[in-house]
């Protein structure tokens, strides 16, 4: 389960899509950029079960950003 999920816009102009995201998974911190097309670019290590993590991130972004 993802814990302590946070996001902030990549650009000062909030009309431009793109977010810096961070979270903890299995006691490890992960950082990525969530781009306007839904692509996730990892900054640093890639979490195990990457496909499952991406699904969780997409759901969180839909809830927090697009709702």
N, C-alpha and C. Protein backbone atom coordinates (compact mmCIF):
# COMPACT_ATOMS: atom_id res chain seq x y z
N UNK A 1 0.83 -1.17 0.00
CA UNK A 1 0.00 0.00 0.00
C UNK A 1 0.89 1.25 0.00
N UNK A 2 0.49 2.23 -0.76
CA UNK A 2 1.20 3.50 -0.82
C UNK A 2 0.85 4.32 0.42
N UNK A 3 1.86 4.93 1.04
CA UNK A 3 1.63 5.76 2.21
C UNK A 3 2.24 7.13 2.00
N UNK A 4 1.70 8.12 2.65
CA UNK A 4 2.21 9.50 2.64
C UNK A 4 2.36 10.03 1.21
N UNK A 5 1.34 9.82 0.40
CA UNK A 5 1.36 10.29 -0.99
C UNK A 5 1.22 11.80 -1.02
N UNK A 6 2.11 12.46 -1.76
CA UNK A 6 2.00 13.91 -1.92
C UNK A 6 2.31 14.29 -3.36
N UNK A 7 1.74 15.41 -3.78
CA UNK A 7 1.98 15.88 -5.15
C UNK A 7 2.00 17.40 -5.14
N UNK A 8 2.71 17.97 -6.10
CA UNK A 8 2.72 19.42 -6.28
C UNK A 8 2.95 19.69 -7.76
N UNK A 9 2.44 20.80 -8.25
CA UNK A 9 2.61 21.12 -9.68
C UNK A 9 4.09 21.27 -10.06
N UNK A 10 4.41 20.84 -11.26
CA UNK A 10 5.78 21.00 -11.76
C UNK A 10 6.05 22.44 -12.19
N UNK A 11 5.01 23.17 -12.55
CA UNK A 11 5.16 24.50 -13.11
C UNK A 11 4.41 25.52 -12.26
N UNK A 12 4.91 26.74 -12.24
CA UNK A 12 4.23 27.80 -11.49
C UNK A 12 2.86 28.10 -12.07
N UNK A 13 2.75 28.06 -13.40
CA UNK A 13 1.46 28.24 -14.06
C UNK A 13 0.67 26.95 -13.87
N UNK A 14 -0.30 26.97 -12.99
CA UNK A 14 -1.03 25.74 -12.65
C UNK A 14 -1.91 25.25 -13.79
N UNK A 15 -2.03 26.01 -14.86
CA UNK A 15 -2.79 25.54 -16.02
C UNK A 15 -2.01 24.47 -16.79
N UNK A 16 -0.69 24.46 -16.64
CA UNK A 16 0.13 23.45 -17.32
C UNK A 16 0.12 22.17 -16.50
N UNK A 17 -0.26 21.07 -17.11
CA UNK A 17 -0.31 19.81 -16.35
C UNK A 17 1.08 19.22 -16.14
N UNK A 18 1.23 18.54 -15.05
CA UNK A 18 2.46 17.88 -14.67
C UNK A 18 2.67 18.05 -13.18
N UNK A 19 3.00 16.97 -12.49
CA UNK A 19 3.12 17.02 -11.04
C UNK A 19 4.34 16.24 -10.58
N UNK A 20 4.97 16.73 -9.55
CA UNK A 20 6.02 16.00 -8.84
C UNK A 20 5.30 15.21 -7.75
N UNK A 21 5.54 13.91 -7.69
CA UNK A 21 4.88 13.07 -6.69
C UNK A 21 5.93 12.36 -5.85
N UNK A 22 5.55 12.04 -4.64
CA UNK A 22 6.41 11.25 -3.77
C UNK A 22 5.52 10.43 -2.84
N UNK A 23 6.05 9.32 -2.40
CA UNK A 23 5.30 8.43 -1.52
C UNK A 23 6.24 7.40 -0.91
N UNK A 24 5.74 6.68 0.08
CA UNK A 24 6.47 5.57 0.66
C UNK A 24 5.77 4.28 0.29
N UNK A 25 6.56 3.27 -0.02
CA UNK A 25 6.04 1.94 -0.34
C UNK A 25 7.03 0.93 0.23
N UNK A 26 6.54 0.07 1.10
CA UNK A 26 7.37 -0.92 1.78
C UNK A 26 8.58 -0.27 2.45
N UNK A 27 8.32 0.82 3.15
CA UNK A 27 9.31 1.57 3.94
C UNK A 27 10.40 2.23 3.11
N UNK A 28 10.20 2.35 1.81
CA UNK A 28 11.14 3.04 0.93
C UNK A 28 10.44 4.25 0.32
N UNK A 29 11.17 5.35 0.17
CA UNK A 29 10.61 6.56 -0.43
C UNK A 29 10.88 6.54 -1.93
N UNK A 30 9.86 6.90 -2.70
CA UNK A 30 9.96 6.96 -4.15
C UNK A 30 9.52 8.33 -4.63
N UNK A 31 10.17 8.80 -5.68
CA UNK A 31 9.88 10.11 -6.25
C UNK A 31 9.73 9.93 -7.76
N UNK A 32 8.77 10.66 -8.33
CA UNK A 32 8.53 10.57 -9.77
C UNK A 32 7.87 11.85 -10.27
N UNK A 33 7.78 11.96 -11.57
CA UNK A 33 7.00 13.02 -12.21
C UNK A 33 5.82 12.37 -12.91
N UNK A 34 4.65 12.91 -12.67
CA UNK A 34 3.42 12.44 -13.30
C UNK A 34 3.11 13.43 -14.41
N UNK A 35 3.24 12.99 -15.65
CA UNK A 35 3.11 13.87 -16.79
C UNK A 35 1.67 13.97 -17.27
N UNK A 36 1.39 14.94 -18.15
CA UNK A 36 0.02 15.23 -18.58
C UNK A 36 -0.66 14.05 -19.27
N UNK A 37 0.11 13.16 -19.90
CA UNK A 37 -0.49 12.01 -20.57
C UNK A 37 -0.61 10.79 -19.66
N UNK A 38 -0.32 10.96 -18.37
CA UNK A 38 -0.42 9.87 -17.41
C UNK A 38 0.85 9.05 -17.29
N UNK A 39 1.87 9.41 -18.05
CA UNK A 39 3.14 8.70 -17.95
C UNK A 39 3.81 9.06 -16.63
N UNK A 40 4.47 8.08 -16.04
CA UNK A 40 5.19 8.29 -14.79
C UNK A 40 6.67 8.09 -15.07
N UNK A 41 7.45 9.12 -14.80
CA UNK A 41 8.90 9.04 -14.96
C UNK A 41 9.52 9.00 -13.58
N UNK A 42 10.16 7.89 -13.27
CA UNK A 42 10.76 7.70 -11.96
C UNK A 42 12.03 8.51 -11.83
N UNK A 43 12.22 9.09 -10.68
CA UNK A 43 13.45 9.79 -10.35
C UNK A 43 14.11 8.96 -9.25
N UNK A 44 15.10 8.21 -9.62
CA UNK A 44 15.73 7.30 -8.67
C UNK A 44 15.24 5.89 -8.88
N UNK A 45 15.22 5.09 -7.81
CA UNK A 45 14.85 3.68 -7.95
C UNK A 45 13.39 3.49 -8.36
N UNK A 46 13.14 2.40 -9.06
CA UNK A 46 11.79 2.02 -9.48
C UNK A 46 11.25 1.03 -8.45
N UNK A 47 10.02 1.25 -7.96
CA UNK A 47 9.49 0.35 -6.94
C UNK A 47 9.20 -1.04 -7.49
N UNK A 48 9.25 -2.05 -6.60
CA UNK A 48 8.84 -3.39 -7.03
C UNK A 48 7.36 -3.36 -7.38
N UNK A 49 6.93 -4.30 -8.19
CA UNK A 49 5.52 -4.35 -8.62
C UNK A 49 5.12 -3.04 -9.28
N UNK A 50 5.94 -2.56 -10.20
CA UNK A 50 5.75 -1.25 -10.81
C UNK A 50 4.35 -1.08 -11.41
N UNK A 51 3.85 -2.09 -12.08
CA UNK A 51 2.52 -1.97 -12.71
C UNK A 51 1.43 -1.74 -11.67
N UNK A 52 1.50 -2.45 -10.55
CA UNK A 52 0.51 -2.27 -9.48
C UNK A 52 0.62 -0.88 -8.86
N UNK A 53 1.84 -0.42 -8.68
CA UNK A 53 2.07 0.91 -8.11
C UNK A 53 1.51 1.98 -9.05
N UNK A 54 1.75 1.83 -10.35
CA UNK A 54 1.24 2.81 -11.32
C UNK A 54 -0.28 2.89 -11.26
N UNK A 55 -0.96 1.76 -11.12
CA UNK A 55 -2.42 1.75 -11.02
C UNK A 55 -2.87 2.53 -9.78
N UNK A 56 -2.17 2.31 -8.66
CA UNK A 56 -2.52 3.02 -7.43
C UNK A 56 -2.30 4.53 -7.59
N UNK A 57 -1.20 4.91 -8.24
CA UNK A 57 -0.91 6.33 -8.45
C UNK A 57 -1.97 6.97 -9.34
N UNK A 58 -2.35 6.28 -10.42
CA UNK A 58 -3.38 6.82 -11.31
C UNK A 58 -4.69 7.05 -10.54
N UNK A 59 -5.07 6.10 -9.69
CA UNK A 59 -6.29 6.25 -8.91
C UNK A 59 -6.18 7.44 -7.95
N UNK A 60 -5.04 7.59 -7.30
CA UNK A 60 -4.85 8.72 -6.38
C UNK A 60 -4.89 10.05 -7.12
N UNK A 61 -4.27 10.11 -8.29
CA UNK A 61 -4.27 11.35 -9.06
C UNK A 61 -5.68 11.68 -9.55
N UNK A 62 -6.43 10.69 -9.97
CA UNK A 62 -7.81 10.94 -10.39
C UNK A 62 -8.62 11.51 -9.23
N UNK A 63 -8.41 10.96 -8.05
CA UNK A 63 -9.17 11.41 -6.88
C UNK A 63 -8.76 12.83 -6.46
N UNK A 64 -7.45 13.09 -6.38
CA UNK A 64 -6.97 14.36 -5.84
C UNK A 64 -6.91 15.50 -6.85
N UNK A 65 -6.56 15.21 -8.08
CA UNK A 65 -6.33 16.27 -9.06
C UNK A 65 -7.51 16.47 -9.99
N UNK A 66 -8.04 15.39 -10.51
CA UNK A 66 -9.05 15.51 -11.55
C UNK A 66 -10.48 15.50 -11.02
N UNK A 67 -10.67 15.28 -9.76
CA UNK A 67 -12.03 15.20 -9.19
C UNK A 67 -12.66 16.56 -9.08
